[in-house]
Amino acid sequence: SFAEVSDVLTLSLVTDLLYAATAGAAVVFTVRL
């Protein structure tokens, strides 16, 4: 259903934002190291 499509897209957006946060954490770790 459309509601499920919306839920999956929201979940995918959250996943992408977390991937960006993961990349930021990797940069912080690299700079500190």
All heavy atoms as atom14 arrays in JSON, in Angstrom:
{
  "sequence": "SFAEVSDVLTLSLVTDLLYAATAGAAVVFTVRL",
  "atom14_mask": [
    [1, 1, 1, 1, 1, 1, 0, 0, 0, 0, 0, 0, 0, 0],
    [1, 1, 1, 1, 1, 1, 1, 1, 1, 1, 1, 0, 0, 0],
    [1, 1, 1, 1, 1, 0, 0, 0, 0, 0, 0, 0, 0, 0],
    [1, 1, 1, 1, 1, 1, 1, 1, 1, 0, 0, 0, 0, 0],
    [1, 1, 1, 1, 1, 1, 1, 0, 0, 0, 0, 0, 0, 0],
    [1, 1, 1, 1, 1, 1, 0, 0, 0, 0, 0, 0, 0, 0],
    [1, 1, 1, 1, 1, 1, 1, 1, 0, 0, 0, 0, 0, 0],
    [1, 1, 1, 1, 1, 1, 1, 0, 0, 0, 0, 0, 0, 0],
    [1, 1, 1, 1, 1, 1, 1, 1, 0, 0, 0, 0, 0, 0],
    [1, 1, 1, 1, 1, 1, 1, 0, 0, 0, 0, 0, 0, 0],
    [1, 1, 1, 1, 1, 1, 1, 1, 0, 0, 0, 0, 0, 0],
    [1, 1, 1, 1, 1, 1, 0, 0, 0, 0, 0, 0, 0, 0],
    [1, 1, 1, 1, 1, 1, 1, 1, 0, 0, 0, 0, 0, 0],
    [1, 1, 1, 1, 1, 1, 1, 0, 0, 0, 0, 0, 0, 0],
    [1, 1, 1, 1, 1, 1, 1, 0, 0, 0, 0, 0, 0, 0],
    [1, 1, 1, 1, 1, 1, 1, 1, 0, 0, 0, 0, 0, 0],
    [1, 1, 1, 1, 1, 1, 1, 1, 0, 0, 0, 0, 0, 0],
    [1, 1, 1, 1, 1, 1, 1, 1, 0, 0, 0, 0, 0, 0],
    [1, 1, 1, 1, 1, 1, 1, 1, 1, 1, 1, 1, 0, 0],
    [1, 1, 1, 1, 1, 0, 0, 0, 0, 0, 0, 0, 0, 0],
    [1, 1, 1, 1, 1, 0, 0, 0, 0, 0, 0, 0, 0, 0],
    [1, 1, 1, 1, 1, 1, 1, 0, 0, 0, 0, 0, 0, 0],
    [1, 1, 1, 1, 1, 0, 0, 0, 0, 0, 0, 0, 0, 0],
    [1, 1, 1, 1, 0, 0, 0, 0, 0, 0, 0, 0, 0, 0],
    [1, 1, 1, 1, 1, 0, 0, 0, 0, 0, 0, 0, 0, 0],
    [1, 1, 1, 1, 1, 0, 0, 0, 0, 0, 0, 0, 0, 0],
    [1, 1, 1, 1, 1, 1, 1, 0, 0, 0, 0, 0, 0, 0],
    [1, 1, 1, 1, 1, 1, 1, 0, 0, 0, 0, 0, 0, 0],
    [1, 1, 1, 1, 1, 1, 1, 1, 1, 1, 1, 0, 0, 0],
    [1, 1, 1, 1, 1, 1, 1, 0, 0, 0, 0, 0, 0, 0],
    [1, 1, 1, 1, 1, 1, 1, 0, 0, 0, 0, 0, 0, 0],
    [1, 1, 1, 1, 1, 1, 1, 1, 1, 1, 1, 0, 0, 0],
    [1, 1, 1, 1, 1, 1, 1, 1, 0, 0, 0, 0, 0, 0]
  ],
  "atom14_positions": [
    [[0.83, -1.2, 0.0], [0.0, 0.0, 0.0], [0.87, 1.25, 0.0], [2.08, 1.19, 0.21], [-0.91, 0.0, 1.23], [-0.14, 0.17, 2.4], [0.0, 0.0, 0.0], [0.0, 0.0, 0.0], [0.0, 0.0, 0.0], [0.0, 0.0, 0.0], [0.0, 0.0, 0.0], [0.0, 0.0, 0.0], [0.0, 0.0, 0.0], [0.0, 0.0, 0.0]],
    [[0.21, 2.37, -0.24], [0.92, 3.65, -0.25], [1.52, 3.95, 1.12], [2.64, 4.48, 1.21], [-0.02, 4.78, -0.67], [0.65, 6.12, -0.68], [1.54, 6.46, -1.68], [0.41, 7.03, 0.33], [2.19, 7.68, -1.68], [1.05, 8.26, 0.35], [1.94, 8.59, -0.67], [0.0, 0.0, 0.0], [0.0, 0.0, 0.0], [0.0, 0.0, 0.0]],
    [[0.82, 3.61, 2.19], [1.32, 3.85, 3.54], [2.61, 3.06, 3.77], [3.55, 3.57, 4.39], [0.28, 3.48, 4.58], [0.0, 0.0, 0.0], [0.0, 0.0, 0.0], [0.0, 0.0, 0.0], [0.0, 0.0, 0.0], [0.0, 0.0, 0.0], [0.0, 0.0, 0.0], [0.0, 0.0, 0.0], [0.0, 0.0, 0.0], [0.0, 0.0, 0.0]],
    [[2.66, 1.84, 3.26], [3.87, 1.03, 3.42], [5.01, 1.58, 2.58], [6.16, 1.54, 3.01], [3.58, -0.42, 3.04], [2.69, -1.13, 4.04], [2.32, -2.54, 3.6], [2.55, -2.89, 2.42], [1.81, -3.3, 4.44], [0.0, 0.0, 0.0], [0.0, 0.0, 0.0], [0.0, 0.0, 0.0], [0.0, 0.0, 0.0], [0.0, 0.0, 0.0]],
    [[4.7, 2.12, 1.41], [5.73, 2.75, 0.58], [6.31, 3.95, 1.32], [7.53, 4.14, 1.37], [5.15, 3.19, -0.8], [6.14, 4.07, -1.54], [4.78, 1.99, -1.63], [0.0, 0.0, 0.0], [0.0, 0.0, 0.0], [0.0, 0.0, 0.0], [0.0, 0.0, 0.0], [0.0, 0.0, 0.0], [0.0, 0.0, 0.0], [0.0, 0.0, 0.0]],
    [[5.43, 4.72, 1.94], [5.88, 5.88, 2.71], [6.76, 5.45, 3.88], [7.8, 6.08, 4.14], [4.67, 6.66, 3.22], [5.07, 7.74, 4.01], [0.0, 0.0, 0.0], [0.0, 0.0, 0.0], [0.0, 0.0, 0.0], [0.0, 0.0, 0.0], [0.0, 0.0, 0.0], [0.0, 0.0, 0.0], [0.0, 0.0, 0.0], [0.0, 0.0, 0.0]],
    [[6.38, 4.39, 4.55], [7.18, 3.89, 5.68], [8.56, 3.41, 5.22], [9.57, 3.69, 5.86], [6.47, 2.74, 6.38], [5.24, 3.2, 7.15], [5.1, 4.42, 7.38], [4.41, 2.33, 7.49], [0.0, 0.0, 0.0], [0.0, 0.0, 0.0], [0.0, 0.0, 0.0], [0.0, 0.0, 0.0], [0.0, 0.0, 0.0], [0.0, 0.0, 0.0]],
    [[8.6, 2.71, 4.1], [9.88, 2.2, 3.59], [10.76, 3.35, 3.13], [11.98, 3.35, 3.38], [9.64, 1.17, 2.46], [10.94, 0.85, 1.74], [9.02, -0.1, 3.01], [0.0, 0.0, 0.0], [0.0, 0.0, 0.0], [0.0, 0.0, 0.0], [0.0, 0.0, 0.0], [0.0, 0.0, 0.0], [0.0, 0.0, 0.0], [0.0, 0.0, 0.0]],
    [[10.17, 4.36, 2.5], [10.96, 5.52, 2.07], [11.5, 6.29, 3.27], [12.65, 6.74, 3.26], [10.12, 6.44, 1.19], [9.84, 5.93, -0.22], [8.91, 6.88, -0.96], [11.13, 5.73, -0.99], [0.0, 0.0, 0.0], [0.0, 0.0, 0.0], [0.0, 0.0, 0.0], [0.0, 0.0, 0.0], [0.0, 0.0, 0.0], [0.0, 0.0, 0.0]],
    [[10.7, 6.42, 4.32], [11.17, 7.08, 5.54], [12.31, 6.29, 6.16], [13.33, 6.86, 6.58], [10.02, 7.24, 6.53], [8.99, 8.01, 5.93], [10.47, 7.91, 7.82], [0.0, 0.0, 0.0], [0.0, 0.0, 0.0], [0.0, 0.0, 0.0], [0.0, 0.0, 0.0], [0.0, 0.0, 0.0], [0.0, 0.0, 0.0], [0.0, 0.0, 0.0]],
    [[12.16, 4.98, 6.21], [13.21, 4.12, 6.76], [14.49, 4.22, 5.93], [15.59, 4.29, 6.47], [12.72, 2.68, 6.82], [13.59, 1.67, 7.55], [13.84, 2.09, 8.99], [12.93, 0.3, 7.5], [0.0, 0.0, 0.0], [0.0, 0.0, 0.0], [0.0, 0.0, 0.0], [0.0, 0.0, 0.0], [0.0, 0.0, 0.0], [0.0, 0.0, 0.0]],
    [[14.33, 4.29, 4.61], [15.5, 4.44, 3.74], [16.18, 5.79, 3.94], [17.41, 5.88, 3.93], [15.09, 4.27, 2.28], [14.63, 2.97, 2.04], [0.0, 0.0, 0.0], [0.0, 0.0, 0.0], [0.0, 0.0, 0.0], [0.0, 0.0, 0.0], [0.0, 0.0, 0.0], [0.0, 0.0, 0.0], [0.0, 0.0, 0.0], [0.0, 0.0, 0.0]],
    [[15.38, 6.83, 4.14], [15.94, 8.16, 4.39], [16.71, 8.18, 5.71], [17.82, 8.72, 5.77], [14.82, 9.21, 4.42], [15.25, 10.64, 4.76], [16.18, 11.18, 3.68], [14.04, 11.53, 4.93], [0.0, 0.0, 0.0], [0.0, 0.0, 0.0], [0.0, 0.0, 0.0], [0.0, 0.0, 0.0], [0.0, 0.0, 0.0], [0.0, 0.0, 0.0]],
    [[16.14, 7.57, 6.74], [16.83, 7.49, 8.03], [18.14, 6.72, 7.88], [19.18, 7.11, 8.43], [15.92, 6.85, 9.1], [16.69, 6.49, 10.36], [14.76, 7.77, 9.43], [0.0, 0.0, 0.0], [0.0, 0.0, 0.0], [0.0, 0.0, 0.0], [0.0, 0.0, 0.0], [0.0, 0.0, 0.0], [0.0, 0.0, 0.0], [0.0, 0.0, 0.0]],
    [[18.1, 5.63, 7.13], [19.3, 4.83, 6.89], [20.37, 5.67, 6.2], [21.55, 5.64, 6.58], [18.97, 3.58, 6.04], [17.97, 2.81, 6.73], [20.19, 2.73, 5.81], [0.0, 0.0, 0.0], [0.0, 0.0, 0.0], [0.0, 0.0, 0.0], [0.0, 0.0, 0.0], [0.0, 0.0, 0.0], [0.0, 0.0, 0.0], [0.0, 0.0, 0.0]],
    [[19.97, 6.43, 5.18], [20.94, 7.28, 4.47], [21.53, 8.35, 5.4], [22.74, 8.64, 5.32], [20.3, 7.92, 3.25], [20.0, 6.92, 2.15], [20.59, 5.81, 2.18], [19.19, 7.24, 1.26], [0.0, 0.0, 0.0], [0.0, 0.0, 0.0], [0.0, 0.0, 0.0], [0.0, 0.0, 0.0], [0.0, 0.0, 0.0], [0.0, 0.0, 0.0]],
    [[20.7, 8.94, 6.24], [21.21, 9.94, 7.19], [22.18, 9.3, 8.18], [23.19, 9.92, 8.55], [20.06, 10.62, 7.91], [19.18, 11.54, 7.05], [17.98, 12.02, 7.85], [19.98, 12.7, 6.52], [0.0, 0.0, 0.0], [0.0, 0.0, 0.0], [0.0, 0.0, 0.0], [0.0, 0.0, 0.0], [0.0, 0.0, 0.0], [0.0, 0.0, 0.0]],
    [[21.89, 8.08, 8.6], [22.81, 7.39, 9.51], [24.12, 7.04, 8.81], [25.18, 7.07, 9.43], [22.15, 6.14, 10.08], [21.11, 6.4, 11.17], [20.41, 5.1, 11.56], [21.74, 7.05, 12.39], [0.0, 0.0, 0.0], [0.0, 0.0, 0.0], [0.0, 0.0, 0.0], [0.0, 0.0, 0.0], [0.0, 0.0, 0.0], [0.0, 0.0, 0.0]],
    [[24.06, 6.72, 7.52], [25.3, 6.49, 6.77], [26.13, 7.77, 6.73], [27.36, 7.73, 6.84], [25.01, 6.01, 5.35], [24.91, 4.52, 5.21], [23.77, 3.94, 4.68], [25.94, 3.67, 5.61], [23.65, 2.56, 4.55], [25.83, 2.3, 5.49], [24.7, 1.75, 4.96], [24.59, 0.39, 4.83], [0.0, 0.0, 0.0], [0.0, 0.0, 0.0]],
    [[25.48, 8.92, 6.57], [26.2, 10.19, 6.59], [26.83, 10.43, 7.97], [27.98, 10.9, 8.06], [25.27, 11.33, 6.22], [0.0, 0.0, 0.0], [0.0, 0.0, 0.0], [0.0, 0.0, 0.0], [0.0, 0.0, 0.0], [0.0, 0.0, 0.0], [0.0, 0.0, 0.0], [0.0, 0.0, 0.0], [0.0, 0.0, 0.0], [0.0, 0.0, 0.0]],
    [[26.1, 10.12, 9.03], [26.65, 10.25, 10.38], [27.83, 9.3, 10.58], [28.82, 9.65, 11.23], [25.57, 9.99, 11.42], [0.0, 0.0, 0.0], [0.0, 0.0, 0.0], [0.0, 0.0, 0.0], [0.0, 0.0, 0.0], [0.0, 0.0, 0.0], [0.0, 0.0, 0.0], [0.0, 0.0, 0.0], [0.0, 0.0, 0.0], [0.0, 0.0, 0.0]],
    [[27.73, 8.11, 10.02], [28.83, 7.15, 10.1], [30.07, 7.69, 9.4], [31.19, 7.57, 9.93], [28.41, 5.8, 9.47], [27.25, 5.33, 10.15], [29.51, 4.77, 9.56], [0.0, 0.0, 0.0], [0.0, 0.0, 0.0], [0.0, 0.0, 0.0], [0.0, 0.0, 0.0], [0.0, 0.0, 0.0], [0.0, 0.0, 0.0], [0.0, 0.0, 0.0]],
    [[29.88, 8.3, 8.25], [31.01, 8.9, 7.53], [31.62, 10.03, 8.35], [32.85, 10.17, 8.43], [30.56, 9.4, 6.17], [0.0, 0.0, 0.0], [0.0, 0.0, 0.0], [0.0, 0.0, 0.0], [0.0, 0.0, 0.0], [0.0, 0.0, 0.0], [0.0, 0.0, 0.0], [0.0, 0.0, 0.0], [0.0, 0.0, 0.0], [0.0, 0.0, 0.0]],
    [[30.78, 10.84, 8.98], [31.28, 11.92, 9.83], [32.07, 11.39, 11.01], [33.12, 11.93, 11.37], [0.0, 0.0, 0.0], [0.0, 0.0, 0.0], [0.0, 0.0, 0.0], [0.0, 0.0, 0.0], [0.0, 0.0, 0.0], [0.0, 0.0, 0.0], [0.0, 0.0, 0.0], [0.0, 0.0, 0.0], [0.0, 0.0, 0.0], [0.0, 0.0, 0.0]],
    [[31.59, 10.31, 11.62], [32.31, 9.7, 12.75], [33.66, 9.15, 12.29], [34.65, 9.23, 13.01], [31.47, 8.6, 13.39], [0.0, 0.0, 0.0], [0.0, 0.0, 0.0], [0.0, 0.0, 0.0], [0.0, 0.0, 0.0], [0.0, 0.0, 0.0], [0.0, 0.0, 0.0], [0.0, 0.0, 0.0], [0.0, 0.0, 0.0], [0.0, 0.0, 0.0]],
    [[33.7, 8.61, 11.06], [34.97, 8.1, 10.53], [35.96, 9.24, 10.31], [37.16, 9.1, 10.59], [34.73, 7.35, 9.22], [0.0, 0.0, 0.0], [0.0, 0.0, 0.0], [0.0, 0.0, 0.0], [0.0, 0.0, 0.0], [0.0, 0.0, 0.0], [0.0, 0.0, 0.0], [0.0, 0.0, 0.0], [0.0, 0.0, 0.0], [0.0, 0.0, 0.0]],
    [[35.47, 10.38, 9.84], [36.34, 11.54, 9.64], [36.88, 12.03, 10.99], [38.08, 12.31, 11.12], [35.58, 12.67, 8.9], [36.36, 13.97, 8.94], [35.29, 12.26, 7.47], [0.0, 0.0, 0.0], [0.0, 0.0, 0.0], [0.0, 0.0, 0.0], [0.0, 0.0, 0.0], [0.0, 0.0, 0.0], [0.0, 0.0, 0.0], [0.0, 0.0, 0.0]],
    [[36.02, 12.13, 11.98], [36.45, 12.57, 13.31], [37.51, 11.62, 13.87], [38.54, 12.05, 14.39], [35.25, 12.69, 14.28], [35.7, 12.86, 15.71], [34.35, 13.82, 13.86], [0.0, 0.0, 0.0], [0.0, 0.0, 0.0], [0.0, 0.0, 0.0], [0.0, 0.0, 0.0], [0.0, 0.0, 0.0], [0.0, 0.0, 0.0], [0.0, 0.0, 0.0]],
    [[37.28, 10.33, 13.74], [38.25, 9.34, 14.21], [39.58, 9.48, 13.49], [40.65, 9.47, 14.12], [37.7, 7.92, 14.02], [38.71, 6.86, 14.31], [39.07, 6.56, 15.6], [39.34, 6.18, 13.27], [40.01, 5.59, 15.88], [40.28, 5.21, 13.54], [40.63, 4.91, 14.84], [0.0, 0.0, 0.0], [0.0, 0.0, 0.0], [0.0, 0.0, 0.0]],
    [[39.53, 9.66, 12.18], [40.76, 9.78, 11.39], [41.55, 11.03, 11.77], [42.77, 10.99, 11.92], [40.43, 9.8, 9.89], [39.69, 8.61, 9.57], [41.67, 9.87, 9.04], [0.0, 0.0, 0.0], [0.0, 0.0, 0.0], [0.0, 0.0, 0.0], [0.0, 0.0, 0.0], [0.0, 0.0, 0.0], [0.0, 0.0, 0.0], [0.0, 0.0, 0.0]],
    [[40.87, 12.14, 11.95], [41.53, 13.4, 12.32], [42.17, 13.27, 13.71], [43.31, 13.69, 13.92], [40.54, 14.58, 12.26], [41.1, 15.82, 12.93], [40.14, 14.86, 10.83], [0.0, 0.0, 0.0], [0.0, 0.0, 0.0], [0.0, 0.0, 0.0], [0.0, 0.0, 0.0], [0.0, 0.0, 0.0], [0.0, 0.0, 0.0], [0.0, 0.0, 0.0]],
    [[41.45, 12.67, 14.66], [42.0, 12.48, 16.0], [43.2, 11.55, 15.99], [44.19, 11.78, 16.68], [40.94, 11.95, 16.94], [39.85, 12.97, 17.21], [38.72, 12.36, 17.97], [38.73, 12.84, 19.33], [37.95, 12.4, 20.29], [37.11, 11.44, 20.04], [38.01, 12.91, 21.48], [0.0, 0.0, 0.0], [0.0, 0.0, 0.0], [0.0, 0.0, 0.0]],
    [[43.11, 10.48, 15.2], [44.23, 9.54, 15.11], [45.45, 10.2, 14.49], [46.57, 10.03, 14.97], [43.82, 8.31, 14.3], [44.88, 7.24, 14.14], [45.27, 6.65, 15.49], [44.38, 6.14, 13.2], [0.0, 0.0, 0.0], [0.0, 0.0, 0.0], [0.0, 0.0, 0.0], [0.0, 0.0, 0.0], [0.0, 0.0, 0.0], [0.0, 0.0, 0.0]]
  ]
}
